[in-house]
Amino acid sequence: MVRSTQKTFGILHGIGRTTAVLVMTVCLFHGLGCATLRRDPVSEDVITARQMSLRGFDSLEQSKLEDAEAWFANAIEINPVDDDARVEYAELLWRRDARDEAIKHLEQAVELSGGKATLVVRLGEMYLAQGDAERAWQQAERAIQSNRQLPCAWALRGDVRRHQGKLQEALAEYHRSLSFEGHCPHVQLALASIYREQNRPRRALSTLDSLAEHYPPDEMPQDLLLEQGLALKALGRHENAASLLAQATQLGEPSTELLFHLAEAQLLSGDTTNARLALIAALAQEPNHGPSNRLQGQIDEQQRRLTAAVERY
């Protein structure tokens, strides 16, 4: 029997995942016999739903998000107790900002999974993103009761405390998370941001340098470069800050915040021309962005004073 099974898997090796499941299903039905089918029947609906889920995963791997969402939605409709399909469907809904519906499906997935701790944490993250800190904290506590060494659960507690403005407590929660998993970009970036807010830029930069060691120089994430630039700017190293922030703008679509900080660092380093260009880009994205408009006013005032001084001579 073992050799027969090994031979079957050898034949399946190299063919598509969906096809493999279909072939194995047929083999199992023929090998187990009618008596087993009577004891543990697998409905055609369940088989069909599994096939649809697999097609959904294949679509995800190919970045065909709309196709994936349709496959998972159909799988759930046919087999409502498929928690894996619900999780993926919830994440796809979340990505296209259908947040209430995403939370509803993830809540169901959590219950179907028997309260799987990582799913509980993800549900808490969604609650917090919607501003519900109390329910987010409850999910973190629920996950920790299941597994006290789960890093993401302690990180969620840190996120909640930070959301509440309790920065010192957030630091403690984040450090507890790192004690179980030393490399966690989300936690390390959050720590650096809090240190900077507490006027501890050297500690922030040290935390970021530790995180940067895990990336090749040409693969640094945009948010890491942004935080490094902000820490350097806080230390008065304006040219270094401007260089890193300019590098960050090349890694995907730069946010208004990133463009503003780049403009500010460039202005502080004496590069008024490029500071203006960065502000133009920032205000093109968000015309009412307060910090960018105020910085633009400062540059205009400097220019007026310079012009007046030149005219006097």
C-alpha atoms as a PDB file:
ATOM      1  CA  MET A   1       0.000   0.000   0.000  1.00  0.00           C
ATOM      2  CA  VAL A   2       2.881   2.397   0.887  1.00  0.00           C
ATOM      3  CA  ARG A   3       4.662   1.677  -2.384  1.00  0.00           C
ATOM      4  CA  SER A   4       1.432   2.157  -4.290  1.00  0.00           C
ATOM      5  CA  THR A   5       0.852   5.538  -2.634  1.00  0.00           C
ATOM      6  CA  GLN A   6       4.440   6.621  -3.301  1.00  0.00           C
ATOM      7  CA  LYS A   7       4.039   5.665  -6.949  1.00  0.00           C
ATOM      8  CA  THR A   8       0.841   7.686  -7.165  1.00  0.00           C
ATOM      9  CA  PHE A   9       2.534  10.784  -5.722  1.00  0.00           C
ATOM     10  CA  GLY A  10       5.412  10.280  -8.150  1.00  0.00           C
ATOM     11  CA  ILE A  11       2.999  10.426 -11.049  1.00  0.00           C
ATOM     12  CA  LEU A  12       1.381  13.552  -9.599  1.00  0.00           C
ATOM     13  CA  HIS A  13       4.704  15.341  -9.145  1.00  0.00           C
ATOM     14  CA  GLY A  14       5.017  18.195 -11.600  1.00  0.00           C
ATOM     15  CA  ILE A  15       1.371  18.555 -12.554  1.00  0.00           C
ATOM     16  CA  GLY A  16      -0.814  21.429 -11.397  1.00  0.00           C
ATOM     17  CA  ARG A  17      -2.136  21.552  -7.839  1.00  0.00           C
ATOM     18  CA  THR A  18      -5.793  21.568  -8.886  1.00  0.00           C
ATOM     19  CA  THR A  19      -5.311  18.594 -11.230  1.00  0.00           C
ATOM     20  CA  ALA A  20      -3.415  16.721  -8.532  1.00  0.00           C
ATOM     21  CA  VAL A  21      -6.269  17.048  -6.056  1.00  0.00           C
ATOM     22  CA  LEU A  22      -8.785  15.805  -8.634  1.00  0.00           C
ATOM     23  CA  VAL A  23      -6.675  12.747  -9.484  1.00  0.00           C
ATOM     24  CA  MET A  24      -6.059  11.891  -5.837  1.00  0.00           C
ATOM     25  CA  THR A  25      -9.750  12.237  -5.073  1.00  0.00           C
ATOM     26  CA  VAL A  26     -10.582   9.679  -7.778  1.00  0.00           C
ATOM     27  CA  CYS A  27      -7.843   7.321  -6.536  1.00  0.00           C
ATOM     28  CA  LEU A  28      -9.104   7.513  -2.974  1.00  0.00           C
ATOM     29  CA  PHE A  29     -12.681   6.805  -4.020  1.00  0.00           C
ATOM     30  CA  HIS A  30     -11.655   3.720  -6.014  1.00  0.00           C
ATOM     31  CA  GLY A  31      -9.193   2.441  -3.425  1.00  0.00           C
ATOM     32  CA  LEU A  32     -11.369   2.738  -0.353  1.00  0.00           C
ATOM     33  CA  GLY A  33     -14.428   1.003  -1.728  1.00  0.00           C
ATOM     34  CA  CYS A  34     -18.151   1.460  -1.275  1.00  0.00           C
ATOM     35  CA  ALA A  35     -18.169   0.529   2.398  1.00  0.00           C
ATOM     36  CA  THR A  36     -15.881   3.424   3.279  1.00  0.00           C
ATOM     37  CA  LEU A  37     -17.903   5.819   1.137  1.00  0.00           C
ATOM     38  CA  ARG A  38     -20.990   4.908   3.110  1.00  0.00           C
ATOM     39  CA  ARG A  39     -19.184   5.560   6.400  1.00  0.00           C
ATOM     40  CA  ASP A  40     -17.539   8.877   5.487  1.00  0.00           C
ATOM     41  CA  PRO A  41     -19.175  10.362   2.431  1.00  0.00           C
ATOM     42  CA  VAL A  42     -17.652  13.429   0.775  1.00  0.00           C
ATOM     43  CA  SER A  43     -20.310  15.418  -0.985  1.00  0.00           C
ATOM     44  CA  GLU A  44     -19.831  16.649  -4.512  1.00  0.00           C
ATOM     45  CA  ASP A  45     -20.387  20.187  -3.214  1.00  0.00           C
ATOM     46  CA  VAL A  46     -17.416  19.912  -0.875  1.00  0.00           C
ATOM     47  CA  ILE A  47     -15.192  18.584  -3.660  1.00  0.00           C
ATOM     48  CA  THR A  48     -16.329  21.348  -5.990  1.00  0.00           C
ATOM     49  CA  ALA A  49     -15.690  24.000  -3.329  1.00  0.00           C
ATOM     50  CA  ARG A  50     -12.178  22.672  -2.736  1.00  0.00           C
ATOM     51  CA  GLN A  51     -11.466  22.811  -6.449  1.00  0.00           C
ATOM     52  CA  MET A  52     -12.637  26.422  -6.529  1.00  0.00           C
ATOM     53  CA  SER A  53     -10.471  27.310  -3.538  1.00  0.00           C
ATOM     54  CA  LEU A  54      -7.427  25.818  -5.250  1.00  0.00           C
ATOM     55  CA  ARG A  55      -8.168  27.855  -8.339  1.00  0.00           C
ATOM     56  CA  GLY A  56      -8.409  30.889  -6.105  1.00  0.00           C
ATOM     57  CA  PHE A  57      -4.959  30.198  -4.663  1.00  0.00           C
ATOM     58  CA  ASP A  58      -3.580  29.711  -8.171  1.00  0.00           C
ATOM     59  CA  SER A  59      -5.056  33.067  -9.201  1.00  0.00           C
ATOM     60  CA  LEU A  60      -3.439  34.707  -6.181  1.00  0.00           C
ATOM     61  CA  GLU A  61      -0.052  33.307  -7.174  1.00  0.00           C
ATOM     62  CA  GLN A  62      -0.555  34.855 -10.606  1.00  0.00           C
ATOM     63  CA  SER A  63      -1.687  38.192  -9.071  1.00  0.00           C
ATOM     64  CA  LYS A  64      -5.122  37.830 -10.656  1.00  0.00           C
ATOM     65  CA  LEU A  65      -6.919  39.305  -7.677  1.00  0.00           C
ATOM     66  CA  GLU A  66     -10.369  39.704  -9.215  1.00  0.00           C
ATOM     67  CA  ASP A  67     -10.343  36.083 -10.400  1.00  0.00           C
ATOM     68  CA  ALA A  68      -9.172  34.925  -6.977  1.00  0.00           C
ATOM     69  CA  GLU A  69     -11.922  36.832  -5.219  1.00  0.00           C
ATOM     70  CA  ALA A  70     -14.549  35.296  -7.496  1.00  0.00           C
ATOM     71  CA  TRP A  71     -13.242  31.759  -6.927  1.00  0.00           C
ATOM     72  CA  PHE A  72     -13.183  32.147  -3.135  1.00  0.00           C
ATOM     73  CA  ALA A  73     -16.643  33.734  -3.106  1.00  0.00           C
ATOM     74  CA  ASN A  74     -18.035  30.800  -5.071  1.00  0.00           C
ATOM     75  CA  ALA A  75     -16.254  28.295  -2.836  1.00  0.00           C
ATOM     76  CA  ILE A  76     -17.801  29.864   0.264  1.00  0.00           C
ATOM     77  CA  GLU A  77     -21.250  29.915  -1.289  1.00  0.00           C
ATOM     78  CA  ILE A  78     -21.043  26.192  -2.017  1.00  0.00           C
ATOM     79  CA  ASN A  79     -19.270  25.222   1.214  1.00  0.00           C
ATOM     80  CA  PRO A  80     -19.857  27.882   3.930  1.00  0.00           C
ATOM     81  CA  VAL A  81     -17.656  26.070   6.491  1.00  0.00           C
ATOM     82  CA  ASP A  82     -14.433  26.394   4.447  1.00  0.00           C
ATOM     83  CA  ASP A  83     -12.460  28.626   6.824  1.00  0.00           C
ATOM     84  CA  ASP A  84      -9.363  28.851   4.578  1.00  0.00           C
ATOM     85  CA  ALA A  85     -11.425  30.200   1.687  1.00  0.00           C
ATOM     86  CA  ARG A  86     -13.077  32.702   4.034  1.00  0.00           C
ATOM     87  CA  VAL A  87      -9.711  33.976   5.248  1.00  0.00           C
ATOM     88  CA  GLU A  88      -8.438  34.602   1.742  1.00  0.00           C
ATOM     89  CA  TYR A  89     -11.744  36.135   0.672  1.00  0.00           C
ATOM     90  CA  ALA A  90     -11.665  38.453   3.698  1.00  0.00           C
ATOM     91  CA  GLU A  91      -8.134  39.613   2.856  1.00  0.00           C
ATOM     92  CA  LEU A  92      -9.103  40.330  -0.746  1.00  0.00           C
ATOM     93  CA  LEU A  93     -12.123  42.317   0.381  1.00  0.00           C
ATOM     94  CA  TRP A  94      -9.893  44.242   2.791  1.00  0.00           C
ATOM     95  CA  ARG A  95      -7.460  45.103  -0.013  1.00  0.00           C
ATOM     96  CA  ARG A  96     -10.219  46.733  -2.046  1.00  0.00           C
ATOM     97  CA  ASP A  97     -11.467  48.602   1.043  1.00  0.00           C
ATOM     98  CA  ALA A  98     -14.662  46.591   1.604  1.00  0.00           C
ATOM     99  CA  ARG A  99     -13.706  46.546   5.259  1.00  0.00           C
ATOM    100  CA  ASP A 100     -16.969  45.796   7.037  1.00  0.00           C
ATOM    101  CA  GLU A 101     -17.617  42.814   4.793  1.00  0.00           C
ATOM    102  CA  ALA A 102     -14.011  41.637   5.212  1.00  0.00           C
ATOM    103  CA  ILE A 103     -14.336  41.716   9.000  1.00  0.00           C
ATOM    104  CA  LYS A 104     -17.599  39.788   8.853  1.00  0.00           C
ATOM    105  CA  HIS A 105     -15.991  36.971   6.878  1.00  0.00           C
ATOM    106  CA  LEU A 106     -12.879  36.879   9.054  1.00  0.00           C
ATOM    107  CA  GLU A 107     -15.035  36.692  12.190  1.00  0.00           C
ATOM    108  CA  GLN A 108     -16.714  33.625  10.711  1.00  0.00           C
ATOM    109  CA  ALA A 109     -13.344  32.139   9.738  1.00  0.00           C
ATOM    110  CA  VAL A 110     -12.070  32.572  13.306  1.00  0.00           C
ATOM    111  CA  GLU A 111     -15.033  30.658  14.713  1.00  0.00           C
ATOM    112  CA  LEU A 112     -14.823  27.958  12.045  1.00  0.00           C
ATOM    113  CA  SER A 113     -11.122  27.490  12.818  1.00  0.00           C
ATOM    114  CA  GLY A 114     -11.856  27.010  16.517  1.00  0.00           C
ATOM    115  CA  GLY A 115     -10.219  30.302  17.432  1.00  0.00           C
ATOM    116  CA  LYS A 116      -6.878  29.886  15.641  1.00  0.00           C
ATOM    117  CA  ALA A 117      -4.601  32.383  17.394  1.00  0.00           C
ATOM    118  CA  THR A 118      -3.022  33.953  14.307  1.00  0.00           C
ATOM    119  CA  LEU A 119      -6.458  34.549  12.793  1.00  0.00           C
ATOM    120  CA  VAL A 120      -7.647  36.066  16.069  1.00  0.00           C
ATOM    121  CA  VAL A 121      -4.733  38.514  15.923  1.00  0.00           C
ATOM    122  CA  ARG A 122      -5.468  39.409  12.301  1.00  0.00           C
ATOM    123  CA  LEU A 123      -9.085  40.097  13.263  1.00  0.00           C
ATOM    124  CA  GLY A 124      -7.818  42.368  16.034  1.00  0.00           C
ATOM    125  CA  GLU A 125      -5.649  44.238  13.539  1.00  0.00           C
ATOM    126  CA  MET A 126      -8.697  44.846  11.370  1.00  0.00           C
ATOM    127  CA  TYR A 127     -10.696  46.088  14.348  1.00  0.00           C
ATOM    128  CA  LEU A 128      -7.899  48.510  15.245  1.00  0.00           C
ATOM    129  CA  ALA A 129      -7.626  49.771  11.667  1.00  0.00           C
ATOM    130  CA  GLN A 130     -11.307  50.654  11.992  1.00  0.00           C
ATOM    131  CA  GLY A 131     -10.630  52.525  15.237  1.00  0.00           C
ATOM    132  CA  ASP A 132     -12.068  49.901  17.591  1.00  0.00           C
ATOM    133  CA  ALA A 133      -9.218  49.664  20.101  1.00  0.00           C
ATOM    134  CA  GLU A 134     -11.285  47.855  22.726  1.00  0.00           C
ATOM    135  CA  ARG A 135     -12.202  44.926  20.504  1.00  0.00           C
ATOM    136  CA  ALA A 136      -8.650  44.820  19.136  1.00  0.00           C
ATOM    137  CA  TRP A 137      -7.309  44.490  22.701  1.00  0.00           C
ATOM    138  CA  GLN A 138      -9.792  41.696  23.402  1.00  0.00           C
ATOM    139  CA  GLN A 139      -8.506  39.746  20.409  1.00  0.00           C
ATOM    140  CA  ALA A 140      -4.904  40.206  21.523  1.00  0.00           C
ATOM    141  CA  GLU A 141      -5.792  38.884  24.972  1.00  0.00           C
ATOM    142  CA  ARG A 142      -7.679  35.949  23.458  1.00  0.00           C
ATOM    143  CA  ALA A 143      -4.671  35.018  21.317  1.00  0.00           C
ATOM    144  CA  ILE A 144      -2.237  35.303  24.230  1.00  0.00           C
ATOM    145  CA  GLN A 145      -4.418  33.021  26.340  1.00  0.00           C
ATOM    146  CA  SER A 146      -4.031  30.475  23.550  1.00  0.00           C
ATOM    147  CA  ASN A 147      -0.289  31.044  23.059  1.00  0.00           C
ATOM    148  CA  ARG A 148       1.641  33.346  25.400  1.00  0.00           C
ATOM    149  CA  GLN A 149       4.690  33.288  23.126  1.00  0.00           C
ATOM    150  CA  LEU A 150       2.911  34.504  20.000  1.00  0.00           C
ATOM    151  CA  PRO A 151       4.880  37.591  18.855  1.00  0.00           C
ATOM    152  CA  CYS A 152       2.107  39.095  16.731  1.00  0.00           C
ATOM    153  CA  ALA A 153      -0.306  39.064  19.685  1.00  0.00           C
ATOM    154  CA  TRP A 154       2.069  41.172  21.801  1.00  0.00           C
ATOM    155  CA  ALA A 155       2.677  43.405  18.791  1.00  0.00           C
ATOM    156  CA  LEU A 156      -1.074  43.951  18.536  1.00  0.00           C
ATOM    157  CA  ARG A 157      -1.149  44.981  22.188  1.00  0.00           C
ATOM    158  CA  GLY A 158       1.613  47.456  21.367  1.00  0.00           C
ATOM    159  CA  ASP A 159      -0.382  48.799  18.421  1.00  0.00           C
ATOM    160  CA  VAL A 160      -3.410  49.316  20.647  1.00  0.00           C
ATOM    161  CA  ARG A 161      -1.389  51.158  23.305  1.00  0.00           C
ATOM    162  CA  ARG A 162       0.205  53.328  20.637  1.00  0.00           C
ATOM    163  CA  HIS A 163      -3.231  54.085  19.181  1.00  0.00           C
ATOM    164  CA  GLN A 164      -4.297  55.183  22.668  1.00  0.00           C
ATOM    165  CA  GLY A 165      -1.268  57.455  23.005  1.00  0.00           C
ATOM    166  CA  LYS A 166       0.250  55.311  25.781  1.00  0.00           C
ATOM    167  CA  LEU A 167       3.719  55.275  24.256  1.00  0.00           C
ATOM    168  CA  GLN A 168       5.667  53.920  27.220  1.00  0.00           C
ATOM    169  CA  GLU A 169       3.283  50.993  27.553  1.00  0.00           C
ATOM    170  CA  ALA A 170       3.470  50.435  23.800  1.00  0.00           C
ATOM    171  CA  LEU A 171       7.269  50.219  24.027  1.00  0.00           C
ATOM    172  CA  ALA A 172       6.979  47.497  26.672  1.00  0.00           C
ATOM    173  CA  GLU A 173       4.551  45.473  24.552  1.00  0.00           C
ATOM    174  CA  TYR A 174       6.727  45.796  21.449  1.00  0.00           C
ATOM    175  CA  HIS A 175       9.833  44.698  23.330  1.00  0.00           C
ATOM    176  CA  ARG A 176       7.908  41.694  24.658  1.00  0.00           C
ATOM    177  CA  SER A 177       7.049  40.809  21.055  1.00  0.00           C
ATOM    178  CA  LEU A 178      10.705  41.084  19.982  1.00  0.00           C
ATOM    179  CA  SER A 179      11.748  38.818  22.847  1.00  0.00           C
ATOM    180  CA  PHE A 180       9.955  35.999  21.024  1.00  0.00           C
ATOM    181  CA  GLU A 181      10.910  37.038  17.486  1.00  0.00           C
ATOM    182  CA  GLY A 182      13.950  39.277  17.114  1.00  0.00           C
ATOM    183  CA  HIS A 183      13.304  40.316  13.507  1.00  0.00           C
ATOM    184  CA  CYS A 184       9.902  41.906  12.990  1.00  0.00           C
ATOM    185  CA  PRO A 185       9.872  44.960  10.666  1.00  0.00           C
ATOM    186  CA  HIS A 186       6.473  46.217  11.798  1.00  0.00           C
ATOM    187  CA  VAL A 187       7.489  46.210  15.459  1.00  0.00           C
ATOM    188  CA  GLN A 188      10.952  47.664  14.867  1.00  0.00           C
ATOM    189  CA  LEU A 189       9.573  50.481  12.730  1.00  0.00           C
ATOM    190  CA  ALA A 190       6.961  51.233  15.389  1.00  0.00           C
ATOM    191  CA  LEU A 191       9.654  51.332  18.076  1.00  0.00           C
ATOM    192  CA  ALA A 192      11.788  53.713  16.025  1.00  0.00           C
ATOM    193  CA  SER A 193       8.826  55.995  15.413  1.00  0.00           C
ATOM    194  CA  ILE A 194       8.029  56.155  19.142  1.00  0.00           C
ATOM    195  CA  TYR A 195      11.658  56.854  20.032  1.00  0.00           C
ATOM    196  CA  ARG A 196      11.660  59.709  17.522  1.00  0.00           C
ATOM    197  CA  GLU A 197       8.412  61.068  18.988  1.00  0.00           C
ATOM    198  CA  GLN A 198      10.069  60.943  22.420  1.00  0.00           C
ATOM    199  CA  ASN A 199      12.998  62.996  21.070  1.00  0.00           C
ATOM    200  CA  ARG A 200      15.335  60.002  21.172  1.00  0.00           C
ATOM    201  CA  PRO A 201      16.539  59.992  17.543  1.00  0.00           C
ATOM    202  CA  ARG A 202      19.784  58.157  18.278  1.00  0.00           C
ATOM    203  CA  ARG A 203      17.873  55.242  19.795  1.00  0.00           C
ATOM    204  CA  ALA A 204      15.517  55.351  16.818  1.00  0.00           C
ATOM    205  CA  LEU A 205      18.405  55.227  14.349  1.00  0.00           C
ATOM    206  CA  SER A 206      20.047  52.354  16.235  1.00  0.00           C
ATOM    207  CA  THR A 207      16.808  50.365  16.035  1.00  0.00           C
ATOM    208  CA  LEU A 208      16.502  51.071  12.311  1.00  0.00           C
ATOM    209  CA  ASP A 209      20.128  50.165  11.616  1.00  0.00           C
ATOM    210  CA  SER A 210      19.501  46.800  13.271  1.00  0.00           C
ATOM    211  CA  LEU A 211      16.500  46.252  11.023  1.00  0.00           C
ATOM    212  CA  ALA A 212      18.418  47.376   7.909  1.00  0.00           C
ATOM    213  CA  GLU A 213      20.986  44.613   8.445  1.00  0.00           C
ATOM    214  CA  HIS A 214      18.384  42.106   7.241  1.00  0.00           C
ATOM    215  CA  TYR A 215      18.146  43.690   3.764  1.00  0.00           C
ATOM    216  CA  PRO A 216      20.606  44.002   0.875  1.00  0.00           C
ATOM    217  CA  PRO A 217      21.478  47.679   0.256  1.00  0.00           C
ATOM    218  CA  ASP A 218      19.473  47.772  -2.994  1.00  0.00           C
ATOM    219  CA  GLU A 219      16.380  46.134  -1.447  1.00  0.00           C
ATOM    220  CA  MET A 220      15.652  48.445   1.463  1.00  0.00           C
ATOM    221  CA  PRO A 221      11.889  48.950   1.999  1.00  0.00           C
ATOM    222  CA  GLN A 222      10.472  52.418   1.450  1.00  0.00           C
ATOM    223  CA  ASP A 223       9.082  52.756   4.979  1.00  0.00           C
ATOM    224  CA  LEU A 224      12.466  51.852   6.475  1.00  0.00           C
ATOM    225  CA  LEU A 225      14.239  54.522   4.409  1.00  0.00           C
ATOM    226  CA  LEU A 226      11.579  57.037   5.432  1.00  0.00           C
ATOM    227  CA  GLU A 227      12.094  56.360   9.143  1.00  0.00           C
ATOM    228  CA  GLN A 228      15.878  56.486   8.754  1.00  0.00           C
ATOM    229  CA  GLY A 229      15.578  59.806   6.952  1.00  0.00           C
ATOM    230  CA  LEU A 230      13.366  61.226   9.705  1.00  0.00           C
ATOM    231  CA  ALA A 231      15.791  60.090  12.406  1.00  0.00           C
ATOM    232  CA  LEU A 232      18.732  61.663  10.553  1.00  0.00           C
ATOM    233  CA  LYS A 233      16.768  64.884  10.070  1.00  0.00           C
ATOM    234  CA  ALA A 234      16.035  64.974  13.805  1.00  0.00           C
ATOM    235  CA  LEU A 235      19.787  64.612  14.437  1.00  0.00           C
ATOM    236  CA  GLY A 236      20.512  67.594  12.173  1.00  0.00           C
ATOM    237  CA  ARG A 237      22.103  65.454   9.445  1.00  0.00           C
ATOM    238  CA  HIS A 238      20.013  67.079   6.755  1.00  0.00           C
ATOM    239  CA  GLU A 239      22.003  66.129   3.646  1.00  0.00           C
ATOM    240  CA  ASN A 240      22.083  62.459   4.674  1.00  0.00           C
ATOM    241  CA  ALA A 241      18.375  62.609   5.416  1.00  0.00           C
ATOM    242  CA  ALA A 242      17.590  64.175   2.037  1.00  0.00           C
ATOM    243  CA  SER A 243      19.636  61.504   0.254  1.00  0.00           C
ATOM    244  CA  LEU A 244      17.788  58.627   1.931  1.00  0.00           C
ATOM    245  CA  LEU A 245      14.381  60.234   1.473  1.00  0.00           C
ATOM    246  CA  ALA A 246      15.082  60.853  -2.211  1.00  0.00           C
ATOM    247  CA  GLN A 247      16.036  57.187  -2.522  1.00  0.00           C
ATOM    248  CA  ALA A 248      12.763  56.217  -0.856  1.00  0.00           C
ATOM    249  CA  THR A 249      10.733  58.134  -3.456  1.00  0.00           C
ATOM    250  CA  GLN A 250      12.126  55.818  -6.146  1.00  0.00           C
ATOM    251  CA  LEU A 251      10.652  52.717  -4.474  1.00  0.00           C
ATOM    252  CA  GLY A 252       7.055  52.831  -5.581  1.00  0.00           C
ATOM    253  CA  GLU A 253       4.580  55.702  -5.472  1.00  0.00           C
ATOM    254  CA  PRO A 254       5.780  58.188  -2.816  1.00  0.00           C
ATOM    255  CA  SER A 255       3.220  59.370  -0.283  1.00  0.00           C
ATOM    256  CA  THR A 256       2.482  63.042   0.357  1.00  0.00           C
ATOM    257  CA  GLU A 257       4.136  62.662   3.757  1.00  0.00           C
ATOM    258  CA  LEU A 258       7.326  61.296   2.219  1.00  0.00           C
ATOM    259  CA  LEU A 259       7.489  64.101  -0.359  1.00  0.00           C
ATOM    260  CA  PHE A 260       6.957  66.710   2.356  1.00  0.00           C
ATOM    261  CA  HIS A 261       9.741  65.332   4.538  1.00  0.00           C
ATOM    262  CA  LEU A 262      12.037  65.169   1.513  1.00  0.00           C
ATOM    263  CA  ALA A 263      11.300  68.824   0.714  1.00  0.00           C
ATOM    264  CA  GLU A 264      11.934  69.849   4.315  1.00  0.00           C
ATOM    265  CA  ALA A 265      15.255  67.985   4.477  1.00  0.00           C
ATOM    266  CA  GLN A 266      16.338  69.488   1.150  1.00  0.00           C
ATOM    267  CA  LEU A 267      15.424  72.983   2.305  1.00  0.00           C
ATOM    268  CA  LEU A 268      17.321  72.530   5.577  1.00  0.00           C
ATOM    269  CA  SER A 269      20.360  71.351   3.618  1.00  0.00           C
ATOM    270  CA  GLY A 270      20.199  74.468   1.410  1.00  0.00           C
ATOM    271  CA  ASP A 271      18.756  72.815  -1.705  1.00  0.00           C
ATOM    272  CA  THR A 272      15.822  75.158  -2.274  1.00  0.00           C
ATOM    273  CA  THR A 273      15.337  74.231  -5.929  1.00  0.00           C
ATOM    274  CA  ASN A 274      14.739  70.540  -5.299  1.00  0.00           C
ATOM    275  CA  ALA A 275      12.717  71.350  -2.189  1.00  0.00           C
ATOM    276  CA  ARG A 276      10.309  73.306  -4.405  1.00  0.00           C
ATOM    277  CA  LEU A 277      10.048  70.384  -6.821  1.00  0.00           C
ATOM    278  CA  ALA A 278       9.251  67.947  -4.017  1.00  0.00           C
ATOM    279  CA  LEU A 279       6.587  70.296  -2.676  1.00  0.00           C
ATOM    280  CA  ILE A 280       5.020  70.652  -6.110  1.00  0.00           C
ATOM    281  CA  ALA A 281       4.696  66.853  -6.248  1.00  0.00           C
ATOM    282  CA  ALA A 282       3.293  66.703  -2.692  1.00  0.00           C
ATOM    283  CA  LEU A 283       0.680  69.393  -3.320  1.00  0.00           C
ATOM    284  CA  ALA A 284      -0.281  67.826  -6.637  1.00  0.00           C
ATOM    285  CA  GLN A 285      -1.278  64.734  -4.658  1.00  0.00           C
ATOM    286  CA  GLU A 286      -2.921  66.577  -1.772  1.00  0.00           C
ATOM    287  CA  PRO A 287      -3.488  70.311  -2.394  1.00  0.00           C
ATOM    288  CA  ASN A 288      -4.753  70.932   1.151  1.00  0.00           C
ATOM    289  CA  HIS A 289      -1.850  69.210   2.907  1.00  0.00           C
ATOM    290  CA  GLY A 290      -1.158  71.610   5.778  1.00  0.00           C
ATOM    291  CA  PRO A 291       2.568  70.941   6.415  1.00  0.00           C
ATOM    292  CA  SER A 292       3.393  71.194   2.699  1.00  0.00           C
ATOM    293  CA  ASN A 293       1.488  74.459   2.326  1.00  0.00           C
ATOM    294  CA  ARG A 294       3.216  75.934   5.365  1.00  0.00           C
ATOM    295  CA  LEU A 295       6.624  74.899   4.047  1.00  0.00           C
ATOM    296  CA  GLN A 296       5.747  76.397   0.675  1.00  0.00           C
ATOM    297  CA  GLY A 297       4.910  79.638   2.486  1.00  0.00           C
ATOM    298  CA  GLN A 298       8.309  79.611   4.205  1.00  0.00           C
ATOM    299  CA  ILE A 299      10.110  79.158   0.901  1.00  0.00           C
ATOM    300  CA  ASP A 300       8.086  81.946  -0.721  1.00  0.00           C
ATOM    301  CA  GLU A 301       8.875  84.251   2.213  1.00  0.00           C
ATOM    302  CA  GLN A 302      12.589  83.471   1.947  1.00  0.00           C
ATOM    303  CA  GLN A 303      12.447  84.242  -1.759  1.00  0.00           C
ATOM    304  CA  ARG A 304      10.702  87.593  -1.125  1.00  0.00           C
ATOM    305  CA  ARG A 305      13.319  88.575   1.426  1.00  0.00           C
ATOM    306  CA  LEU A 306      16.131  87.602  -0.905  1.00  0.00           C
ATOM    307  CA  THR A 307      14.602  89.589  -3.756  1.00  0.00           C
ATOM    308  CA  ALA A 308      14.121  92.625  -1.524  1.00  0.00           C
ATOM    309  CA  ALA A 309      17.730  92.420  -0.334  1.00  0.00           C
ATOM    310  CA  VAL A 310      19.010  92.240  -3.911  1.00  0.00           C
ATOM    311  CA  GLU A 311      16.913  95.222  -4.955  1.00  0.00           C
ATOM    312  CA  ARG A 312      18.311  97.334  -2.108  1.00  0.00           C
ATOM    313  CA  TYR A 313      21.765  96.870  -3.503  1.00  0.00           C
END
